[in-house]
Amino acid sequence: MRLVHSILLSSLLAAASAHAQNAKPPACPFEPAYLSAQLGETFQAGVPERAMIGMGCKYKGKNADFWIDAGPNPAPSAEMWQKMASPPGTTFTPVANDPDKAVHVNAAPSVSPFPSLFYERKGWLVSITVTGVSGKKAIDAWNAKLAGIKRIP
């Protein structure tokens, strides 16, 4: 009987581990056509790369590049990670009525401003950054588009 319990427990642990692994989003979770339709920019297929939080992906665009970095939250809270991972002077603007409490990053004065979206969902931190965009009006327009991107995981 003890052997049967051990086998059942091992099976349950293996199934739980497999489910957790399957719950991970792919490094490049978006199709280029989806990003192009959502953001109004033509993007190439994403290229996986190591990133700060976990696995990242870069989608090269005609005029701008889209970066996504996602992984399990390594800090006690999303707010703590933001403070640890951002230069002094960085501030965050909450996205109104966002179910994931997403924020846009306002770069420190020593850093060029950029469109961004940062949120925590299902224990994962997700950071999206767009490079190649300048000017407050253009950054605000991109931030509005980023807030509408489908969320992972």
N, C-alpha and C. Protein backbone atom coordinates (compact mmCIF):
# COMPACT_ATOMS: atom_id res chain seq x y z
N MET A 1 0.82 -1.20 0.00
CA MET A 1 0.00 0.00 0.00
C MET A 1 0.86 1.26 0.00
N ARG A 2 1.94 1.22 0.77
CA ARG A 2 2.84 2.37 0.83
C ARG A 2 3.45 2.66 -0.55
N LEU A 3 3.77 1.60 -1.29
CA LEU A 3 4.32 1.75 -2.63
C LEU A 3 3.31 2.42 -3.56
N VAL A 4 2.04 2.05 -3.44
CA VAL A 4 0.99 2.63 -4.26
C VAL A 4 0.87 4.14 -3.97
N HIS A 5 0.93 4.52 -2.70
CA HIS A 5 0.86 5.94 -2.33
C HIS A 5 2.05 6.70 -2.90
N SER A 6 3.24 6.10 -2.83
CA SER A 6 4.45 6.74 -3.37
C SER A 6 4.34 6.94 -4.87
N ILE A 7 3.82 5.94 -5.55
CA ILE A 7 3.67 6.03 -7.01
C ILE A 7 2.65 7.11 -7.36
N LEU A 8 1.51 7.13 -6.63
CA LEU A 8 0.49 8.15 -6.88
C LEU A 8 1.04 9.55 -6.62
N LEU A 9 1.77 9.73 -5.53
CA LEU A 9 2.34 11.03 -5.20
C LEU A 9 3.34 11.47 -6.27
N SER A 10 4.19 10.55 -6.70
CA SER A 10 5.17 10.86 -7.75
C SER A 10 4.47 11.26 -9.05
N SER A 11 3.39 10.56 -9.38
CA SER A 11 2.64 10.87 -10.60
C SER A 11 2.01 12.26 -10.51
N LEU A 12 1.44 12.57 -9.34
CA LEU A 12 0.82 13.89 -9.17
C LEU A 12 1.86 15.00 -9.26
N LEU A 13 3.02 14.81 -8.64
CA LEU A 13 4.08 15.82 -8.71
C LEU A 13 4.58 16.00 -10.14
N ALA A 14 4.74 14.90 -10.85
CA ALA A 14 5.19 14.99 -12.25
C ALA A 14 4.16 15.72 -13.11
N ALA A 15 2.87 15.43 -12.87
CA ALA A 15 1.81 16.10 -13.64
C ALA A 15 1.77 17.58 -13.32
N ALA A 16 1.93 17.93 -12.04
CA ALA A 16 1.93 19.35 -11.65
C ALA A 16 3.12 20.07 -12.27
N SER A 17 4.28 19.44 -12.29
CA SER A 17 5.47 20.04 -12.89
C SER A 17 5.28 20.24 -14.39
N ALA A 18 4.72 19.25 -15.05
CA ALA A 18 4.47 19.36 -16.50
C ALA A 18 3.49 20.48 -16.78
N HIS A 19 2.45 20.62 -15.94
CA HIS A 19 1.47 21.69 -16.14
C HIS A 19 2.13 23.05 -15.98
N ALA A 20 2.98 23.20 -14.96
CA ALA A 20 3.66 24.49 -14.74
C ALA A 20 4.56 24.82 -15.92
N GLN A 21 5.24 23.82 -16.47
CA GLN A 21 6.11 24.07 -17.62
C GLN A 21 5.28 24.45 -18.84
N ASN A 22 4.14 23.80 -19.01
CA ASN A 22 3.28 24.11 -20.16
C ASN A 22 2.62 25.47 -20.02
N ALA A 23 2.51 25.99 -18.78
CA ALA A 23 1.87 27.28 -18.56
C ALA A 23 2.75 28.44 -19.02
N LYS A 24 4.05 28.17 -19.25
CA LYS A 24 4.95 29.23 -19.68
C LYS A 24 4.58 29.69 -21.09
N PRO A 25 4.54 30.99 -21.31
CA PRO A 25 4.34 31.45 -22.68
C PRO A 25 5.63 31.24 -23.48
N PRO A 26 5.52 31.11 -24.77
CA PRO A 26 6.74 30.98 -25.57
C PRO A 26 7.54 32.28 -25.51
N ALA A 27 8.85 32.20 -25.77
CA ALA A 27 9.71 33.39 -25.73
C ALA A 27 9.20 34.47 -26.68
N CYS A 28 8.70 34.06 -27.84
CA CYS A 28 8.15 35.00 -28.81
C CYS A 28 6.65 34.71 -28.94
N PRO A 29 5.85 35.31 -28.04
CA PRO A 29 4.44 34.93 -27.96
C PRO A 29 3.52 35.51 -29.02
N PHE A 30 4.00 36.45 -29.83
CA PHE A 30 3.13 37.10 -30.81
C PHE A 30 3.55 36.77 -32.24
N GLU A 31 2.57 36.66 -33.09
CA GLU A 31 2.83 36.55 -34.53
C GLU A 31 3.10 37.96 -35.05
N PRO A 32 4.03 38.11 -35.98
CA PRO A 32 4.30 39.45 -36.53
C PRO A 32 3.06 40.12 -37.10
N ALA A 33 2.18 39.35 -37.73
CA ALA A 33 0.96 39.93 -38.32
C ALA A 33 0.07 40.53 -37.23
N TYR A 34 -0.01 39.87 -36.07
CA TYR A 34 -0.80 40.40 -34.95
C TYR A 34 -0.23 41.73 -34.49
N LEU A 35 1.08 41.78 -34.26
CA LEU A 35 1.71 43.02 -33.82
C LEU A 35 1.52 44.13 -34.85
N SER A 36 1.69 43.79 -36.11
CA SER A 36 1.53 44.78 -37.17
C SER A 36 0.11 45.36 -37.17
N ALA A 37 -0.89 44.49 -37.02
CA ALA A 37 -2.28 44.94 -37.00
C ALA A 37 -2.56 45.80 -35.76
N GLN A 38 -2.03 45.41 -34.62
CA GLN A 38 -2.28 46.14 -33.37
C GLN A 38 -1.54 47.47 -33.29
N LEU A 39 -0.32 47.49 -33.83
CA LEU A 39 0.55 48.64 -33.61
C LEU A 39 0.75 49.53 -34.84
N GLY A 40 0.28 49.07 -36.00
CA GLY A 40 0.41 49.89 -37.20
C GLY A 40 1.83 50.01 -37.71
N GLU A 41 2.63 49.01 -37.47
CA GLU A 41 4.04 48.97 -37.88
C GLU A 41 4.30 47.57 -38.43
N THR A 42 5.10 47.43 -39.45
CA THR A 42 5.41 46.12 -40.00
C THR A 42 6.56 45.50 -39.20
N PHE A 43 6.33 44.28 -38.69
CA PHE A 43 7.34 43.58 -37.90
C PHE A 43 7.74 42.26 -38.54
N GLN A 44 9.00 41.89 -38.34
CA GLN A 44 9.51 40.58 -38.75
C GLN A 44 9.23 39.59 -37.63
N ALA A 45 9.42 38.31 -37.91
CA ALA A 45 9.25 37.28 -36.88
C ALA A 45 10.19 37.57 -35.71
N GLY A 46 9.72 37.26 -34.52
CA GLY A 46 10.50 37.50 -33.32
C GLY A 46 11.70 36.59 -33.23
N VAL A 47 12.76 37.10 -32.60
CA VAL A 47 13.98 36.33 -32.37
C VAL A 47 14.18 36.21 -30.86
N PRO A 48 14.15 34.97 -30.32
CA PRO A 48 14.32 34.78 -28.88
C PRO A 48 15.72 35.22 -28.43
N GLU A 49 15.79 35.72 -27.21
CA GLU A 49 17.08 36.11 -26.63
C GLU A 49 16.95 36.14 -25.11
N ARG A 50 18.08 36.03 -24.45
CA ARG A 50 18.07 36.13 -22.98
C ARG A 50 17.71 37.56 -22.62
N ALA A 51 17.00 37.69 -21.51
CA ALA A 51 16.55 39.01 -21.10
C ALA A 51 16.73 39.17 -19.59
N MET A 52 16.33 40.28 -19.08
CA MET A 52 16.55 40.60 -17.68
C MET A 52 15.65 39.79 -16.74
N ILE A 53 14.38 39.63 -17.08
CA ILE A 53 13.44 38.92 -16.22
C ILE A 53 13.47 37.42 -16.52
N GLY A 54 13.49 37.08 -17.78
CA GLY A 54 13.45 35.67 -18.18
C GLY A 54 13.86 35.56 -19.63
N MET A 55 13.04 34.90 -20.41
CA MET A 55 13.31 34.82 -21.84
C MET A 55 12.68 36.03 -22.52
N GLY A 56 13.38 36.56 -23.47
CA GLY A 56 12.89 37.72 -24.18
C GLY A 56 12.77 37.44 -25.66
N CYS A 57 12.24 38.42 -26.36
CA CYS A 57 12.08 38.31 -27.79
C CYS A 57 12.13 39.70 -28.40
N LYS A 58 12.81 39.81 -29.52
CA LYS A 58 12.87 41.08 -30.24
C LYS A 58 12.20 40.89 -31.60
N TYR A 59 11.25 41.79 -31.88
CA TYR A 59 10.59 41.84 -33.18
C TYR A 59 11.11 43.10 -33.87
N LYS A 60 11.86 42.92 -34.94
CA LYS A 60 12.42 44.06 -35.67
C LYS A 60 11.34 44.63 -36.56
N GLY A 61 11.17 45.95 -36.48
CA GLY A 61 10.16 46.62 -37.30
C GLY A 61 10.80 47.51 -38.34
N LYS A 62 9.97 48.03 -39.21
CA LYS A 62 10.47 48.92 -40.26
C LYS A 62 11.01 50.21 -39.65
N ASN A 63 10.27 50.77 -38.67
CA ASN A 63 10.67 52.04 -38.05
C ASN A 63 10.91 51.96 -36.56
N ALA A 64 10.49 50.84 -35.94
CA ALA A 64 10.63 50.69 -34.50
C ALA A 64 10.80 49.20 -34.18
N ASP A 65 11.42 48.91 -33.06
CA ASP A 65 11.59 47.53 -32.61
C ASP A 65 10.76 47.29 -31.36
N PHE A 66 10.18 46.10 -31.25
CA PHE A 66 9.32 45.70 -30.14
C PHE A 66 10.05 44.62 -29.36
N TRP A 67 10.25 44.86 -28.08
CA TRP A 67 10.94 43.91 -27.20
C TRP A 67 9.96 43.45 -26.14
N ILE A 68 9.96 42.15 -25.85
CA ILE A 68 9.17 41.63 -24.74
C ILE A 68 10.08 40.74 -23.89
N ASP A 69 9.96 40.89 -22.59
CA ASP A 69 10.73 40.14 -21.60
C ASP A 69 9.72 39.64 -20.58
N ALA A 70 9.67 38.32 -20.35
CA ALA A 70 8.69 37.77 -19.42
C ALA A 70 9.29 36.61 -18.66
N GLY A 71 8.90 36.51 -17.39
CA GLY A 71 9.36 35.39 -16.58
C GLY A 71 8.76 35.47 -15.20
N PRO A 72 8.96 34.39 -14.42
CA PRO A 72 8.45 34.40 -13.05
C PRO A 72 9.03 35.58 -12.27
N ASN A 73 8.21 36.17 -11.42
CA ASN A 73 8.64 37.33 -10.65
C ASN A 73 9.74 36.92 -9.67
N PRO A 74 10.96 37.46 -9.82
CA PRO A 74 12.06 37.09 -8.91
C PRO A 74 12.07 37.92 -7.63
N ALA A 75 11.16 38.86 -7.49
CA ALA A 75 11.12 39.76 -6.33
C ALA A 75 9.84 39.52 -5.53
N PRO A 76 9.79 40.04 -4.31
CA PRO A 76 8.57 39.87 -3.50
C PRO A 76 7.32 40.51 -4.11
N SER A 77 7.49 41.55 -4.94
CA SER A 77 6.34 42.19 -5.59
C SER A 77 6.79 42.83 -6.90
N ALA A 78 5.82 43.12 -7.75
CA ALA A 78 6.12 43.79 -9.01
C ALA A 78 6.72 45.17 -8.76
N GLU A 79 6.18 45.87 -7.77
CA GLU A 79 6.68 47.22 -7.45
C GLU A 79 8.14 47.17 -7.00
N MET A 80 8.48 46.14 -6.20
CA MET A 80 9.86 46.02 -5.73
C MET A 80 10.80 45.74 -6.91
N TRP A 81 10.37 44.89 -7.84
CA TRP A 81 11.19 44.61 -9.02
C TRP A 81 11.41 45.89 -9.83
N GLN A 82 10.35 46.68 -10.01
CA GLN A 82 10.47 47.92 -10.77
C GLN A 82 11.54 48.82 -10.15
N LYS A 83 11.52 48.95 -8.85
CA LYS A 83 12.49 49.82 -8.17
C LYS A 83 13.90 49.28 -8.29
N MET A 84 14.06 47.95 -8.16
CA MET A 84 15.39 47.35 -8.23
C MET A 84 15.96 47.40 -9.65
N ALA A 85 15.11 47.27 -10.65
CA ALA A 85 15.57 47.13 -12.03
C ALA A 85 15.60 48.44 -12.81
N SER A 86 15.23 49.54 -12.19
CA SER A 86 15.14 50.81 -12.91
C SER A 86 16.14 51.82 -12.36
N PRO A 87 16.67 52.67 -13.23
CA PRO A 87 17.59 53.71 -12.77
C PRO A 87 16.88 54.69 -11.82
N PRO A 88 17.62 55.29 -10.90
CA PRO A 88 17.01 56.30 -10.03
C PRO A 88 16.36 57.40 -10.88
N GLY A 89 15.21 57.85 -10.44
CA GLY A 89 14.49 58.89 -11.16
C GLY A 89 13.42 58.36 -12.09
N THR A 90 13.39 57.03 -12.29
CA THR A 90 12.35 56.42 -13.11
C THR A 90 11.03 56.49 -12.36
N THR A 91 9.97 56.83 -13.08
CA THR A 91 8.64 56.84 -12.47
C THR A 91 7.71 55.96 -13.32
N PHE A 92 6.54 55.70 -12.77
CA PHE A 92 5.61 54.79 -13.44
C PHE A 92 4.22 55.41 -13.45
N THR A 93 3.58 55.37 -14.62
CA THR A 93 2.23 55.91 -14.77
C THR A 93 1.26 54.74 -14.91
N PRO A 94 0.33 54.59 -13.96
CA PRO A 94 -0.63 53.48 -14.05
C PRO A 94 -1.52 53.60 -15.29
N VAL A 95 -1.84 52.45 -15.88
CA VAL A 95 -2.81 52.40 -16.98
C VAL A 95 -4.19 52.35 -16.33
N ALA A 96 -5.04 53.30 -16.66
CA ALA A 96 -6.36 53.42 -16.03
C ALA A 96 -7.17 52.13 -16.15
N ASN A 97 -7.77 51.72 -15.05
CA ASN A 97 -8.68 50.56 -14.99
C ASN A 97 -8.08 49.28 -15.55
N ASP A 98 -6.80 49.09 -15.42
CA ASP A 98 -6.15 47.90 -15.98
C ASP A 98 -6.26 46.73 -15.01
N PRO A 99 -6.76 45.57 -15.48
CA PRO A 99 -6.93 44.42 -14.59
C PRO A 99 -5.61 43.86 -14.06
N ASP A 100 -4.51 44.09 -14.78
CA ASP A 100 -3.19 43.60 -14.36
C ASP A 100 -2.36 44.69 -13.69
N LYS A 101 -2.99 45.83 -13.41
CA LYS A 101 -2.30 46.97 -12.80
C LYS A 101 -1.06 47.37 -13.59
N ALA A 102 -1.21 47.37 -14.91
CA ALA A 102 -0.10 47.72 -15.80
C ALA A 102 0.30 49.18 -15.61
N VAL A 103 1.57 49.44 -15.90
CA VAL A 103 2.10 50.80 -15.83
C VAL A 103 2.93 51.07 -17.08
N HIS A 104 3.08 52.35 -17.40
CA HIS A 104 4.02 52.79 -18.42
C HIS A 104 5.23 53.33 -17.67
N VAL A 105 6.41 53.03 -18.19
CA VAL A 105 7.65 53.48 -17.56
C VAL A 105 7.99 54.87 -18.08
N ASN A 106 8.25 55.79 -17.16
CA ASN A 106 8.73 57.13 -17.51
C ASN A 106 10.21 57.14 -17.19
N ALA A 107 11.02 57.15 -18.23
CA ALA A 107 12.46 57.02 -18.06
C ALA A 107 13.04 58.12 -17.17
N ALA A 108 14.10 57.76 -16.48
CA ALA A 108 14.84 58.74 -15.68
C ALA A 108 15.37 59.82 -16.61
N PRO A 109 15.62 61.02 -16.10
CA PRO A 109 16.12 62.11 -16.95
C PRO A 109 17.39 61.77 -17.73
N SER A 110 18.18 60.82 -17.23
CA SER A 110 19.42 60.45 -17.91
C SER A 110 19.21 59.46 -19.05
N VAL A 111 17.97 59.03 -19.26
CA VAL A 111 17.64 58.02 -20.27
C VAL A 111 16.65 58.61 -21.27
N SER A 112 16.83 58.29 -22.55
CA SER A 112 15.87 58.76 -23.57
C SER A 112 14.51 58.11 -23.31
N PRO A 113 13.42 58.88 -23.41
CA PRO A 113 12.09 58.30 -23.19
C PRO A 113 11.75 57.26 -24.26
N PHE A 114 10.86 56.33 -23.91
CA PHE A 114 10.47 55.26 -24.82
C PHE A 114 9.07 54.75 -24.45
N PRO A 115 8.32 54.20 -25.41
CA PRO A 115 7.04 53.58 -25.10
C PRO A 115 7.27 52.27 -24.34
N SER A 116 6.38 51.97 -23.39
CA SER A 116 6.56 50.75 -22.60
C SER A 116 5.25 50.32 -21.96
N LEU A 117 5.23 49.06 -21.55
CA LEU A 117 4.13 48.53 -20.76
C LEU A 117 4.73 47.48 -19.84
N PHE A 118 4.39 47.55 -18.56
CA PHE A 118 4.91 46.62 -17.58
C PHE A 118 3.75 46.16 -16.72
N TYR A 119 3.63 44.85 -16.50
CA TYR A 119 2.56 44.33 -15.66
C TYR A 119 2.96 42.99 -15.05
N GLU A 120 2.19 42.58 -14.03
CA GLU A 120 2.35 41.26 -13.44
C GLU A 120 1.06 40.49 -13.66
N ARG A 121 1.20 39.25 -14.13
CA ARG A 121 0.02 38.43 -14.40
C ARG A 121 0.36 36.98 -14.09
N LYS A 122 -0.47 36.36 -13.26
CA LYS A 122 -0.30 34.95 -12.90
C LYS A 122 1.10 34.65 -12.37
N GLY A 123 1.67 35.58 -11.59
CA GLY A 123 2.99 35.37 -11.01
C GLY A 123 4.15 35.68 -11.94
N TRP A 124 3.84 36.15 -13.13
CA TRP A 124 4.87 36.48 -14.11
C TRP A 124 4.96 38.00 -14.27
N LEU A 125 6.17 38.49 -14.44
CA LEU A 125 6.37 39.89 -14.81
C LEU A 125 6.53 39.94 -16.32
N VAL A 126 5.93 40.95 -16.92
CA VAL A 126 6.02 41.13 -18.37
C VAL A 126 6.41 42.58 -18.62
N SER A 127 7.48 42.75 -19.37
CA SER A 127 7.96 44.08 -19.72
C SER A 127 8.01 44.19 -21.24
N ILE A 128 7.33 45.20 -21.76
CA ILE A 128 7.33 45.45 -23.21
C ILE A 128 7.93 46.84 -23.42
N THR A 129 8.88 46.91 -24.33
CA THR A 129 9.54 48.17 -24.65
C THR A 129 9.59 48.34 -26.16
N VAL A 130 9.39 49.55 -26.61
CA VAL A 130 9.52 49.86 -28.04
C VAL A 130 10.65 50.85 -28.18
N THR A 131 11.58 50.57 -29.08
CA THR A 131 12.68 51.49 -29.35
C THR A 131 12.52 52.05 -30.76
N GLY A 132 13.11 53.21 -30.99
CA GLY A 132 13.02 53.84 -32.30
C GLY A 132 11.89 54.84 -32.40
N VAL A 133 11.26 55.16 -31.28
CA VAL A 133 10.16 56.13 -31.25
C VAL A 133 10.61 57.29 -30.38
N SER A 134 10.40 58.49 -30.86
CA SER A 134 10.78 59.66 -30.05
C SER A 134 9.69 60.72 -30.12
N GLY A 135 9.73 61.61 -29.16
CA GLY A 135 8.73 62.69 -29.08
C GLY A 135 7.57 62.27 -28.19
N LYS A 136 7.18 63.15 -27.29
CA LYS A 136 6.13 62.84 -26.32
C LYS A 136 4.83 62.39 -26.98
N LYS A 137 4.41 63.06 -28.04
CA LYS A 137 3.15 62.72 -28.70
C LYS A 137 3.21 61.30 -29.28
N ALA A 138 4.33 60.95 -29.94
CA ALA A 138 4.48 59.61 -30.52
C ALA A 138 4.57 58.55 -29.42
N ILE A 139 5.28 58.85 -28.34
CA ILE A 139 5.40 57.89 -27.24
C ILE A 139 4.03 57.67 -26.60
N ASP A 140 3.27 58.72 -26.37
CA ASP A 140 1.93 58.58 -25.80
C ASP A 140 1.03 57.75 -26.71
N ALA A 141 1.13 57.94 -28.02
CA ALA A 141 0.31 57.16 -28.97
C ALA A 141 0.69 55.68 -28.91
N TRP A 142 1.98 55.39 -28.86
CA TRP A 142 2.44 54.00 -28.75
C TRP A 142 2.02 53.39 -27.42
N ASN A 143 2.13 54.15 -26.33
CA ASN A 143 1.71 53.63 -25.03
C ASN A 143 0.23 53.24 -25.05
N ALA A 144 -0.60 54.04 -25.70
CA ALA A 144 -2.03 53.71 -25.80
C ALA A 144 -2.22 52.40 -26.57
N LYS A 145 -1.46 52.19 -27.64
CA LYS A 145 -1.55 50.95 -28.41
C LYS A 145 -1.06 49.76 -27.58
N LEU A 146 0.04 49.95 -26.85
CA LEU A 146 0.59 48.85 -26.05
C LEU A 146 -0.40 48.39 -24.97
N ALA A 147 -1.16 49.32 -24.42
CA ALA A 147 -2.14 48.95 -23.39
C ALA A 147 -3.19 47.99 -23.94
N GLY A 148 -3.40 47.96 -25.25
CA GLY A 148 -4.39 47.09 -25.86
C GLY A 148 -3.86 45.75 -26.34
N ILE A 149 -2.55 45.53 -26.21
CA ILE A 149 -1.96 44.26 -26.64
C ILE A 149 -2.49 43.12 -25.76
N LYS A 150 -2.76 41.94 -26.36
CA LYS A 150 -3.23 40.82 -25.55
C LYS A 150 -2.15 40.46 -24.53
N ARG A 151 -2.59 40.05 -23.37
CA ARG A 151 -1.70 39.81 -22.25
C ARG A 151 -1.26 38.35 -22.18
N ILE A 152 -0.02 38.17 -21.74
CA ILE A 152 0.52 36.84 -21.49
C ILE A 152 0.91 36.79 -20.02
N PRO A 153 1.10 35.72 -19.36
CA PRO A 153 0.76 34.36 -19.80
C PRO A 153 -0.74 34.17 -19.77
